[in-house]
C-alpha atoms as a PDB file:
ATOM      1  CA  UNK A   1    -141.901  28.558 175.190  1.00  0.00           C
ATOM      2  CA  UNK A   2    -140.346  25.160 175.781  1.00  0.00           C
ATOM      3  CA  UNK A   3    -136.535  25.185 175.702  1.00  0.00           C
ATOM      4  CA  UNK A   4    -135.565  23.342 172.525  1.00  0.00           C
ATOM      5  CA  UNK A   5    -132.101  22.682 173.922  1.00  0.00           C
ATOM      6  CA  UNK A   6    -133.643  20.321 176.468  1.00  0.00           C
ATOM      7  CA  UNK A   7    -136.340  18.770 174.277  1.00  0.00           C
ATOM      8  CA  UNK A   8    -136.758  14.956 174.326  1.00  0.00           C
ATOM      9  CA  UNK A   9    -135.790  14.789 170.642  1.00  0.00           C
ATOM     10  CA  UNK A  10    -132.514  16.579 171.266  1.00  0.00           C
ATOM     11  CA  UNK A  11    -131.783  14.482 174.340  1.00  0.00           C
ATOM     12  CA  UNK A  12    -132.372  11.279 172.392  1.00  0.00           C
ATOM     13  CA  UNK A  13    -130.153  12.515 169.561  1.00  0.00           C
ATOM     14  CA  UNK A  14    -127.353  13.219 172.028  1.00  0.00           C
ATOM     15  CA  UNK A  15    -127.665   9.764 173.571  1.00  0.00           C
ATOM     16  CA  UNK A  16    -127.604   8.099 170.151  1.00  0.00           C
ATOM     17  CA  UNK A  17    -124.564  10.157 169.117  1.00  0.00           C
ATOM     18  CA  UNK A  18    -122.709   9.244 172.303  1.00  0.00           C
ATOM     19  CA  UNK A  19    -123.265   5.600 171.443  1.00  0.00           C
ATOM     20  CA  UNK A  20    -122.579   5.707 167.711  1.00  0.00           C
ATOM     21  CA  UNK A  21    -119.376   7.750 167.762  1.00  0.00           C
ATOM     22  CA  UNK A  22    -117.401   5.316 169.980  1.00  0.00           C
ATOM     23  CA  UNK A  23    -118.821   2.393 168.010  1.00  0.00           C
ATOM     24  CA  UNK A  24    -117.682   3.964 164.741  1.00  0.00           C
ATOM     25  CA  UNK A  25    -114.240   4.599 166.223  1.00  0.00           C
ATOM     26  CA  UNK A  26    -113.902   0.962 167.282  1.00  0.00           C
ATOM     27  CA  UNK A  27    -115.061  -0.376 163.917  1.00  0.00           C
ATOM     28  CA  UNK A  28    -112.731   1.853 161.912  1.00  0.00           C
ATOM     29  CA  UNK A  29    -109.798   1.001 164.156  1.00  0.00           C
ATOM     30  CA  UNK A  30    -110.513  -2.722 163.825  1.00  0.00           C
ATOM     31  CA  UNK A  31    -110.630  -2.233 160.058  1.00  0.00           C
ATOM     32  CA  UNK A  32    -107.221  -0.572 160.205  1.00  0.00           C
ATOM     33  CA  UNK A  33    -105.768  -3.431 162.260  1.00  0.00           C
ATOM     34  CA  UNK A  34    -107.094  -5.959 159.743  1.00  0.00           C
ATOM     35  CA  UNK A  35    -105.806  -3.961 156.767  1.00  0.00           C
ATOM     36  CA  UNK A  36    -102.320  -3.107 158.035  1.00  0.00           C
ATOM     37  CA  UNK A  37     -99.338  -5.456 157.771  1.00  0.00           C
ATOM     38  CA  UNK A  38     -98.698  -7.794 160.705  1.00  0.00           C
ATOM     39  CA  UNK A  39     -96.774  -6.759 163.790  1.00  0.00           C
ATOM     40  CA  UNK A  40     -96.302  -3.493 165.648  1.00  0.00           C
ATOM     41  CA  UNK A  41     -93.910  -2.092 163.053  1.00  0.00           C
ATOM     42  CA  UNK A  42     -96.306  -3.187 160.328  1.00  0.00           C
ATOM     43  CA  UNK A  43     -99.025  -1.044 161.903  1.00  0.00           C
ATOM     44  CA  UNK A  44     -96.536   1.826 162.195  1.00  0.00           C
ATOM     45  CA  UNK A  45     -95.716   1.414 158.502  1.00  0.00           C
ATOM     46  CA  UNK A  46     -99.438   1.661 157.680  1.00  0.00           C
ATOM     47  CA  UNK A  47     -99.698   4.984 159.524  1.00  0.00           C
ATOM     48  CA  UNK A  48     -96.727   6.350 157.607  1.00  0.00           C
ATOM     49  CA  UNK A  49     -97.986   4.858 154.338  1.00  0.00           C
ATOM     50  CA  UNK A  50    -101.033   7.145 154.453  1.00  0.00           C
ATOM     51  CA  UNK A  51     -99.067  10.411 154.552  1.00  0.00           C
ATOM     52  CA  UNK A  52     -95.515   9.763 153.313  1.00  0.00           C
ATOM     53  CA  UNK A  53     -93.851   8.541 150.098  1.00  0.00           C
ATOM     54  CA  UNK A  54     -91.641   6.170 152.188  1.00  0.00           C
ATOM     55  CA  UNK A  55     -88.915   6.020 149.533  1.00  0.00           C
ATOM     56  CA  UNK A  56     -86.263   3.700 150.924  1.00  0.00           C
ATOM     57  CA  UNK A  57     -83.144   5.747 150.150  1.00  0.00           C
ATOM     58  CA  UNK A  58     -84.742   8.817 151.704  1.00  0.00           C
ATOM     59  CA  UNK A  59     -85.554   7.037 154.938  1.00  0.00           C
ATOM     60  CA  UNK A  60     -83.558   5.995 157.994  1.00  0.00           C
ATOM     61  CA  UNK A  61     -83.006   2.323 158.672  1.00  0.00           C
ATOM     62  CA  UNK A  62     -83.159   0.216 161.826  1.00  0.00           C
ATOM     63  CA  UNK A  63     -80.749  -2.492 160.825  1.00  0.00           C
ATOM     64  CA  UNK A  64     -82.328  -3.732 157.605  1.00  0.00           C
ATOM     65  CA  UNK A  65     -85.768  -2.314 158.417  1.00  0.00           C
ATOM     66  CA  UNK A  66     -86.994   1.000 157.094  1.00  0.00           C
ATOM     67  CA  UNK A  67     -88.490   3.722 159.308  1.00  0.00           C
ATOM     68  CA  UNK A  68     -92.299   4.061 158.978  1.00  0.00           C
ATOM     69  CA  UNK A  69     -91.777   7.587 157.597  1.00  0.00           C
ATOM     70  CA  UNK A  70     -89.107   9.130 155.384  1.00  0.00           C
ATOM     71  CA  UNK A  71     -86.365  11.235 156.992  1.00  0.00           C
ATOM     72  CA  UNK A  72     -88.211  14.528 156.439  1.00  0.00           C
ATOM     73  CA  UNK A  73     -91.572  13.245 157.658  1.00  0.00           C
ATOM     74  CA  UNK A  74     -89.910  11.490 160.609  1.00  0.00           C
ATOM     75  CA  UNK A  75     -88.430  14.819 161.667  1.00  0.00           C
ATOM     76  CA  UNK A  76     -91.694  16.679 161.096  1.00  0.00           C
ATOM     77  CA  UNK A  77     -93.919  14.317 163.070  1.00  0.00           C
ATOM     78  CA  UNK A  78     -91.372  13.751 165.839  1.00  0.00           C
ATOM     79  CA  UNK A  79     -90.805  17.514 166.062  1.00  0.00           C
ATOM     80  CA  UNK A  80     -94.543  18.176 166.262  1.00  0.00           C
ATOM     81  CA  UNK A  81     -94.951  15.503 168.934  1.00  0.00           C
ATOM     82  CA  UNK A  82     -92.022  16.880 170.932  1.00  0.00           C
ATOM     83  CA  UNK A  83     -93.442  20.406 170.709  1.00  0.00           C
ATOM     84  CA  UNK A  84     -96.907  19.320 171.844  1.00  0.00           C
ATOM     85  CA  UNK A  85     -95.501  17.407 174.822  1.00  0.00           C
ATOM     86  CA  UNK A  86     -93.191  20.305 175.710  1.00  0.00           C
ATOM     87  CA  UNK A  87     -95.992  22.892 175.652  1.00  0.00           C
ATOM     88  CA  UNK A  88     -98.331  20.591 177.579  1.00  0.00           C
ATOM     89  CA  UNK A  89     -95.763  20.252 180.355  1.00  0.00           C
ATOM     90  CA  UNK A  90     -94.616  23.879 180.467  1.00  0.00           C
ATOM     91  CA  UNK A  91     -97.773  25.845 179.617  1.00  0.00           C
ATOM     92  CA  UNK A  92    -100.770  23.472 179.577  1.00  0.00           C
ATOM     93  CA  UNK A  93    -103.542  25.987 178.885  1.00  0.00           C
ATOM     94  CA  UNK A  94    -101.690  28.847 177.248  1.00  0.00           C
ATOM     95  CA  UNK A  95    -103.483  29.704 174.029  1.00  0.00           C
ATOM     96  CA  UNK A  96    -101.739  32.763 172.671  1.00  0.00           C
ATOM     97  CA  UNK A  97    -100.055  32.389 169.314  1.00  0.00           C
ATOM     98  CA  UNK A  98     -96.238  32.724 169.316  1.00  0.00           C
ATOM     99  CA  UNK A  99     -95.068  36.241 170.137  1.00  0.00           C
ATOM    100  CA  UNK A 100     -94.019  38.487 167.260  1.00  0.00           C
ATOM    101  CA  UNK A 101     -90.322  38.010 167.940  1.00  0.00           C
ATOM    102  CA  UNK A 102     -90.775  34.239 167.658  1.00  0.00           C
ATOM    103  CA  UNK A 103     -92.080  34.583 164.111  1.00  0.00           C
ATOM    104  CA  UNK A 104     -88.492  35.229 163.002  1.00  0.00           C
ATOM    105  CA  UNK A 105     -87.031  31.795 163.919  1.00  0.00           C
ATOM    106  CA  UNK A 106     -90.294  30.027 163.080  1.00  0.00           C
ATOM    107  CA  UNK A 107     -90.373  31.696 159.682  1.00  0.00           C
ATOM    108  CA  UNK A 108     -86.760  30.673 159.055  1.00  0.00           C
ATOM    109  CA  UNK A 109     -87.673  27.089 159.903  1.00  0.00           C
ATOM    110  CA  UNK A 110     -90.504  27.131 157.372  1.00  0.00           C
ATOM    111  CA  UNK A 111     -88.176  28.649 154.775  1.00  0.00           C
ATOM    112  CA  UNK A 112     -85.488  26.010 155.427  1.00  0.00           C
ATOM    113  CA  UNK A 113     -88.105  23.260 155.112  1.00  0.00           C
ATOM    114  CA  UNK A 114     -89.343  24.663 151.791  1.00  0.00           C
ATOM    115  CA  UNK A 115     -85.877  25.249 150.312  1.00  0.00           C
ATOM    116  CA  UNK A 116     -84.564  21.827 151.252  1.00  0.00           C
ATOM    117  CA  UNK A 117     -87.780  20.183 150.080  1.00  0.00           C
ATOM    118  CA  UNK A 118     -87.704  21.860 146.668  1.00  0.00           C
ATOM    119  CA  UNK A 119     -83.981  21.210 146.259  1.00  0.00           C
ATOM    120  CA  UNK A 120     -84.468  17.559 147.178  1.00  0.00           C
ATOM    121  CA  UNK A 121     -87.395  17.203 144.770  1.00  0.00           C
ATOM    122  CA  UNK A 122     -85.434  18.728 141.894  1.00  0.00           C
ATOM    123  CA  UNK A 123     -82.551  16.354 142.575  1.00  0.00           C
ATOM    124  CA  UNK A 124     -84.937  13.406 142.558  1.00  0.00           C
ATOM    125  CA  UNK A 125     -86.508  14.440 139.249  1.00  0.00           C
ATOM    126  CA  UNK A 126     -83.117  14.983 137.648  1.00  0.00           C
ATOM    127  CA  UNK A 127     -81.976  11.575 138.880  1.00  0.00           C
ATOM    128  CA  UNK A 128     -84.998  10.023 137.165  1.00  0.00           C
ATOM    129  CA  UNK A 129     -83.944  11.688 133.910  1.00  0.00           C
ATOM    130  CA  UNK A 130     -86.921  14.039 133.709  1.00  0.00           C
ATOM    131  CA  UNK A 131     -85.969  16.456 130.919  1.00  0.00           C
ATOM    132  CA  UNK A 132     -88.104  19.334 132.188  1.00  0.00           C
ATOM    133  CA  UNK A 133     -86.092  19.529 135.435  1.00  0.00           C
ATOM    134  CA  UNK A 134     -82.654  18.827 133.969  1.00  0.00           C
ATOM    135  CA  UNK A 135     -81.949  22.477 133.185  1.00  0.00           C
ATOM    136  CA  UNK A 136     -82.920  23.724 136.674  1.00  0.00           C
ATOM    137  CA  UNK A 137     -79.855  24.044 138.916  1.00  0.00           C
ATOM    138  CA  UNK A 138     -79.918  22.601 142.423  1.00  0.00           C
ATOM    139  CA  UNK A 139     -78.359  24.361 145.389  1.00  0.00           C
ATOM    140  CA  UNK A 140     -76.584  21.417 147.010  1.00  0.00           C
ATOM    141  CA  UNK A 141     -76.607  17.644 147.286  1.00  0.00           C
ATOM    142  CA  UNK A 142     -79.500  16.712 149.585  1.00  0.00           C
ATOM    143  CA  UNK A 143     -79.105  14.152 152.349  1.00  0.00           C
ATOM    144  CA  UNK A 144     -81.189  12.543 155.076  1.00  0.00           C
ATOM    145  CA  UNK A 145     -79.579  14.548 157.870  1.00  0.00           C
ATOM    146  CA  UNK A 146     -80.751  17.814 156.333  1.00  0.00           C
ATOM    147  CA  UNK A 147     -84.156  16.308 155.668  1.00  0.00           C
ATOM    148  CA  UNK A 148     -84.412  15.300 159.331  1.00  0.00           C
ATOM    149  CA  UNK A 149     -83.302  18.695 160.654  1.00  0.00           C
ATOM    150  CA  UNK A 150     -85.541  20.781 158.403  1.00  0.00           C
ATOM    151  CA  UNK A 151     -88.427  18.403 158.988  1.00  0.00           C
ATOM    152  CA  UNK A 152     -87.998  18.718 162.744  1.00  0.00           C
ATOM    153  CA  UNK A 153     -88.037  22.502 162.468  1.00  0.00           C
ATOM    154  CA  UNK A 154     -91.304  22.361 160.538  1.00  0.00           C
ATOM    155  CA  UNK A 155     -92.722  20.025 163.165  1.00  0.00           C
ATOM    156  CA  UNK A 156     -91.931  22.552 165.893  1.00  0.00           C
ATOM    157  CA  UNK A 157     -93.734  25.218 163.869  1.00  0.00           C
ATOM    158  CA  UNK A 158     -96.792  22.975 163.547  1.00  0.00           C
ATOM    159  CA  UNK A 159     -96.827  22.396 167.303  1.00  0.00           C
ATOM    160  CA  UNK A 160     -96.370  26.111 168.025  1.00  0.00           C
ATOM    161  CA  UNK A 161     -99.514  26.886 165.997  1.00  0.00           C
ATOM    162  CA  UNK A 162    -101.672  23.812 166.662  1.00  0.00           C
ATOM    163  CA  UNK A 163    -101.232  23.820 170.441  1.00  0.00           C
ATOM    164  CA  UNK A 164    -102.643  27.323 171.056  1.00  0.00           C
ATOM    165  CA  UNK A 165    -105.380  26.766 168.469  1.00  0.00           C
ATOM    166  CA  UNK A 166    -106.399  23.618 170.358  1.00  0.00           C
ATOM    167  CA  UNK A 167    -106.436  25.469 173.687  1.00  0.00           C
ATOM    168  CA  UNK A 168    -108.339  28.454 172.314  1.00  0.00           C
ATOM    169  CA  UNK A 169    -111.048  26.165 170.985  1.00  0.00           C
ATOM    170  CA  UNK A 170    -111.505  23.751 173.890  1.00  0.00           C
ATOM    171  CA  UNK A 171    -110.957  25.425 177.230  1.00  0.00           C
ATOM    172  CA  UNK A 172    -113.371  27.718 179.013  1.00  0.00           C
ATOM    173  CA  UNK A 173    -110.521  29.128 181.115  1.00  0.00           C
ATOM    174  CA  UNK A 174    -107.704  29.320 178.571  1.00  0.00           C
ATOM    175  CA  UNK A 175    -104.651  31.446 179.273  1.00  0.00           C
ATOM    176  CA  UNK A 176    -104.113  34.274 176.795  1.00  0.00           C
ATOM    177  CA  UNK A 177    -100.331  34.219 177.189  1.00  0.00           C
ATOM    178  CA  UNK A 178     -98.352  32.669 174.299  1.00  0.00           C
ATOM    179  CA  UNK A 179     -97.015  29.171 174.875  1.00  0.00           C
ATOM    180  CA  UNK A 180     -93.925  30.196 172.890  1.00  0.00           C
ATOM    181  CA  UNK A 181     -93.268  33.735 174.002  1.00  0.00           C
ATOM    182  CA  UNK A 182     -89.554  34.209 174.614  1.00  0.00           C
ATOM    183  CA  UNK A 183     -86.094  33.139 173.495  1.00  0.00           C
ATOM    184  CA  UNK A 184     -85.456  31.081 176.627  1.00  0.00           C
ATOM    185  CA  UNK A 185     -88.443  28.819 175.962  1.00  0.00           C
ATOM    186  CA  UNK A 186     -87.559  28.570 172.283  1.00  0.00           C
ATOM    187  CA  UNK A 187     -83.913  27.805 173.074  1.00  0.00           C
ATOM    188  CA  UNK A 188     -84.837  24.985 175.446  1.00  0.00           C
ATOM    189  CA  UNK A 189     -87.243  23.500 172.902  1.00  0.00           C
ATOM    190  CA  UNK A 190     -84.605  23.750 170.179  1.00  0.00           C
ATOM    191  CA  UNK A 191     -82.000  21.974 172.341  1.00  0.00           C
ATOM    192  CA  UNK A 192     -84.446  19.144 173.042  1.00  0.00           C
ATOM    193  CA  UNK A 193     -85.183  18.884 169.321  1.00  0.00           C
ATOM    194  CA  UNK A 194     -81.487  18.681 168.461  1.00  0.00           C
ATOM    195  CA  UNK A 195     -80.965  15.968 171.089  1.00  0.00           C
ATOM    196  CA  UNK A 196     -83.862  14.033 169.588  1.00  0.00           C
ATOM    197  CA  UNK A 197     -82.365  14.320 166.103  1.00  0.00           C
ATOM    198  CA  UNK A 198     -78.969  13.178 167.369  1.00  0.00           C
ATOM    199  CA  UNK A 199     -80.702  10.100 168.805  1.00  0.00           C
ATOM    200  CA  UNK A 200     -82.258   9.409 165.403  1.00  0.00           C
ATOM    201  CA  UNK A 201     -78.813   9.713 163.806  1.00  0.00           C
ATOM    202  CA  UNK A 202     -77.168   7.540 166.467  1.00  0.00           C
ATOM    203  CA  UNK A 203     -77.949   4.193 164.763  1.00  0.00           C
ATOM    204  CA  UNK A 204     -78.658   2.758 168.232  1.00  0.00           C
ATOM    205  CA  UNK A 205     -81.383   0.167 167.692  1.00  0.00           C
ATOM    206  CA  UNK A 206     -82.765   0.424 171.238  1.00  0.00           C
ATOM    207  CA  UNK A 207     -83.381   4.154 170.618  1.00  0.00           C
ATOM    208  CA  UNK A 208     -84.507   3.973 167.010  1.00  0.00           C
ATOM    209  CA  UNK A 209     -87.349   1.508 167.557  1.00  0.00           C
ATOM    210  CA  UNK A 210     -89.271   3.674 170.055  1.00  0.00           C
ATOM    211  CA  UNK A 211     -88.596   6.799 167.981  1.00  0.00           C
ATOM    212  CA  UNK A 212     -89.919   5.034 164.884  1.00  0.00           C
ATOM    213  CA  UNK A 213     -93.097   4.000 166.715  1.00  0.00           C
ATOM    214  CA  UNK A 214     -93.568   7.505 168.154  1.00  0.00           C
ATOM    215  CA  UNK A 215     -93.148   9.119 164.726  1.00  0.00           C
ATOM    216  CA  UNK A 216     -95.877   6.853 163.345  1.00  0.00           C
ATOM    217  CA  UNK A 217     -98.238   7.405 166.297  1.00  0.00           C
ATOM    218  CA  UNK A 218     -97.882  11.153 165.818  1.00  0.00           C
ATOM    219  CA  UNK A 219     -99.755  10.806 162.511  1.00  0.00           C
ATOM    220  CA  UNK A 220    -103.160   9.823 163.989  1.00  0.00           C
ATOM    221  CA  UNK A 221    -102.536  12.091 166.989  1.00  0.00           C
ATOM    222  CA  UNK A 222    -102.140  15.251 164.897  1.00  0.00           C
ATOM    223  CA  UNK A 223    -105.046  14.327 162.631  1.00  0.00           C
ATOM    224  CA  UNK A 224    -107.221  13.601 165.675  1.00  0.00           C
ATOM    225  CA  UNK A 225    -106.441  17.010 167.150  1.00  0.00           C
ATOM    226  CA  UNK A 226    -107.280  18.803 163.905  1.00  0.00           C
ATOM    227  CA  UNK A 227    -110.498  16.903 163.214  1.00  0.00           C
ATOM    228  CA  UNK A 228    -111.410  17.075 166.896  1.00  0.00           C
ATOM    229  CA  UNK A 229    -111.271  20.866 166.720  1.00  0.00           C
ATOM    230  CA  UNK A 230    -113.601  20.819 163.722  1.00  0.00           C
ATOM    231  CA  UNK A 231    -115.990  18.564 165.662  1.00  0.00           C
ATOM    232  CA  UNK A 232    -115.968  20.964 168.622  1.00  0.00           C
ATOM    233  CA  UNK A 233    -116.757  23.915 166.376  1.00  0.00           C
ATOM    234  CA  UNK A 234    -119.381  21.991 164.387  1.00  0.00           C
ATOM    235  CA  UNK A 235    -121.261  21.151 167.595  1.00  0.00           C
ATOM    236  CA  UNK A 236    -120.819  24.711 168.912  1.00  0.00           C
ATOM    237  CA  UNK A 237    -119.052  23.514 172.034  1.00  0.00           C
ATOM    238  CA  UNK A 238    -116.226  26.032 171.785  1.00  0.00           C
ATOM    239  CA  UNK A 239    -114.739  27.068 175.133  1.00  0.00           C
ATOM    240  CA  UNK A 240    -117.000  24.837 177.200  1.00  0.00           C
ATOM    241  CA  UNK A 241    -114.539  22.281 178.565  1.00  0.00           C
ATOM    242  CA  UNK A 242    -112.615  22.424 181.805  1.00  0.00           C
ATOM    243  CA  UNK A 243    -110.748  19.115 181.524  1.00  0.00           C
ATOM    244  CA  UNK A 244    -109.689  16.923 178.625  1.00  0.00           C
ATOM    245  CA  UNK A 245    -111.911  13.921 179.523  1.00  0.00           C
ATOM    246  CA  UNK A 246    -114.966  16.173 179.149  1.00  0.00           C
ATOM    247  CA  UNK A 247    -114.125  16.574 175.452  1.00  0.00           C
ATOM    248  CA  UNK A 248    -114.098  12.824 174.808  1.00  0.00           C
ATOM    249  CA  UNK A 249    -116.968  12.924 172.303  1.00  0.00           C
ATOM    250  CA  UNK A 250    -115.553  15.434 169.762  1.00  0.00           C
ATOM    251  CA  UNK A 251    -112.061  13.992 170.174  1.00  0.00           C
ATOM    252  CA  UNK A 252    -113.381  10.484 169.565  1.00  0.00           C
ATOM    253  CA  UNK A 253    -115.146  11.807 166.479  1.00  0.00           C
ATOM    254  CA  UNK A 254    -111.855  13.371 165.410  1.00  0.00           C
ATOM    255  CA  UNK A 255    -110.062  10.064 165.948  1.00  0.00           C
ATOM    256  CA  UNK A 256    -112.694   8.267 163.871  1.00  0.00           C
ATOM    257  CA  UNK A 257    -112.280  10.673 160.949  1.00  0.00           C
ATOM    258  CA  UNK A 258    -108.483  10.498 161.248  1.00  0.00           C
ATOM    259  CA  UNK A 259    -108.467   6.711 161.152  1.00  0.00           C
ATOM    260  CA  UNK A 260    -110.982   6.678 158.299  1.00  0.00           C
ATOM    261  CA  UNK A 261    -108.707   8.967 156.289  1.00  0.00           C
ATOM    262  CA  UNK A 262    -105.705   6.739 156.995  1.00  0.00           C
ATOM    263  CA  UNK A 263    -107.606   3.587 155.986  1.00  0.00           C
ATOM    264  CA  UNK A 264    -108.923   5.147 152.764  1.00  0.00           C
ATOM    265  CA  UNK A 265    -105.506   6.506 151.780  1.00  0.00           C
ATOM    266  CA  UNK A 266    -103.875   3.152 152.535  1.00  0.00           C
ATOM    267  CA  UNK A 267    -106.425   1.275 150.415  1.00  0.00           C
ATOM    268  CA  UNK A 268    -106.127   3.672 147.472  1.00  0.00           C
ATOM    269  CA  UNK A 269    -102.333   3.710 147.538  1.00  0.00           C
ATOM    270  CA  UNK A 270    -102.051  -0.071 147.793  1.00  0.00           C
ATOM    271  CA  UNK A 271    -104.524  -0.442 144.919  1.00  0.00           C
ATOM    272  CA  UNK A 272    -102.286   1.799 142.780  1.00  0.00           C
ATOM    273  CA  UNK A 273     -98.839   0.526 143.774  1.00  0.00           C
ATOM    274  CA  UNK A 274     -99.517  -3.017 144.956  1.00  0.00           C
ATOM    275  CA  UNK A 275     -96.909  -2.714 147.710  1.00  0.00           C
ATOM    276  CA  UNK A 276     -96.593  -1.425 151.279  1.00  0.00           C
ATOM    277  CA  UNK A 277     -93.161  -0.100 150.407  1.00  0.00           C
ATOM    278  CA  UNK A 278     -92.195   3.325 149.139  1.00  0.00           C
ATOM    279  CA  UNK A 279     -93.238   4.796 145.809  1.00  0.00           C
ATOM    280  CA  UNK A 280     -91.273   3.060 143.034  1.00  0.00           C
ATOM    281  CA  UNK A 281     -88.640   5.280 141.395  1.00  0.00           C
ATOM    282  CA  UNK A 282     -88.336   3.288 138.222  1.00  0.00           C
END
């Protein structure tokens, strides 16, 4: 029987796919560039606009300019980016989920993120005079520093889960050891995260601009990784890659879907609010 995996029809389909996927990625990205506000920071704002409320008073400022993401989302995406870079440098193909002992600090980070988020939301609703929330007590007065810190913790959790999931799915020779397996590794990562947050809080313009751009770029990066994994599994190419360039097709497909989601969300939100700024509170 003729091997269907090597049939002319299948070969032609693969060639067409290899041509269409990059073309779709280019077209969607061009559409994003045309849609987004002018300038590099304008494009960064458009990335943040697709995933974040961008309320001005809940965001850090670079002089008179608002960060692309609110304080909490800035911490979350910067924390996730830091974690991914850290694991890539220290344990590039480790694919084990965090060790059991690491679930304690990671769980506390998730809890802190949830508590501060709920407390902040209740405060916002009470400030808007929403009667339903007026009788619910808040725990403390929220602020952007706490939003940044708890957001960063959640970002580290995302990286600690997404990184091994990515490695387990892509590599044919993945390492079963956890990328976050001991207190020493966690402590070093936590110190780096705290340094990063101190830089965000420093008000130094020459530091804030690159951090703002990186926080925005983390949005399509994380979405690309997630959708890229789905593309790998959908094409049944799990554990078949030895190097990252070999996975260019599913990752390009993931990038295309990520950018399409960003463009659609931007269009819908702008149609509703009529502004690239944060959600109006009035």
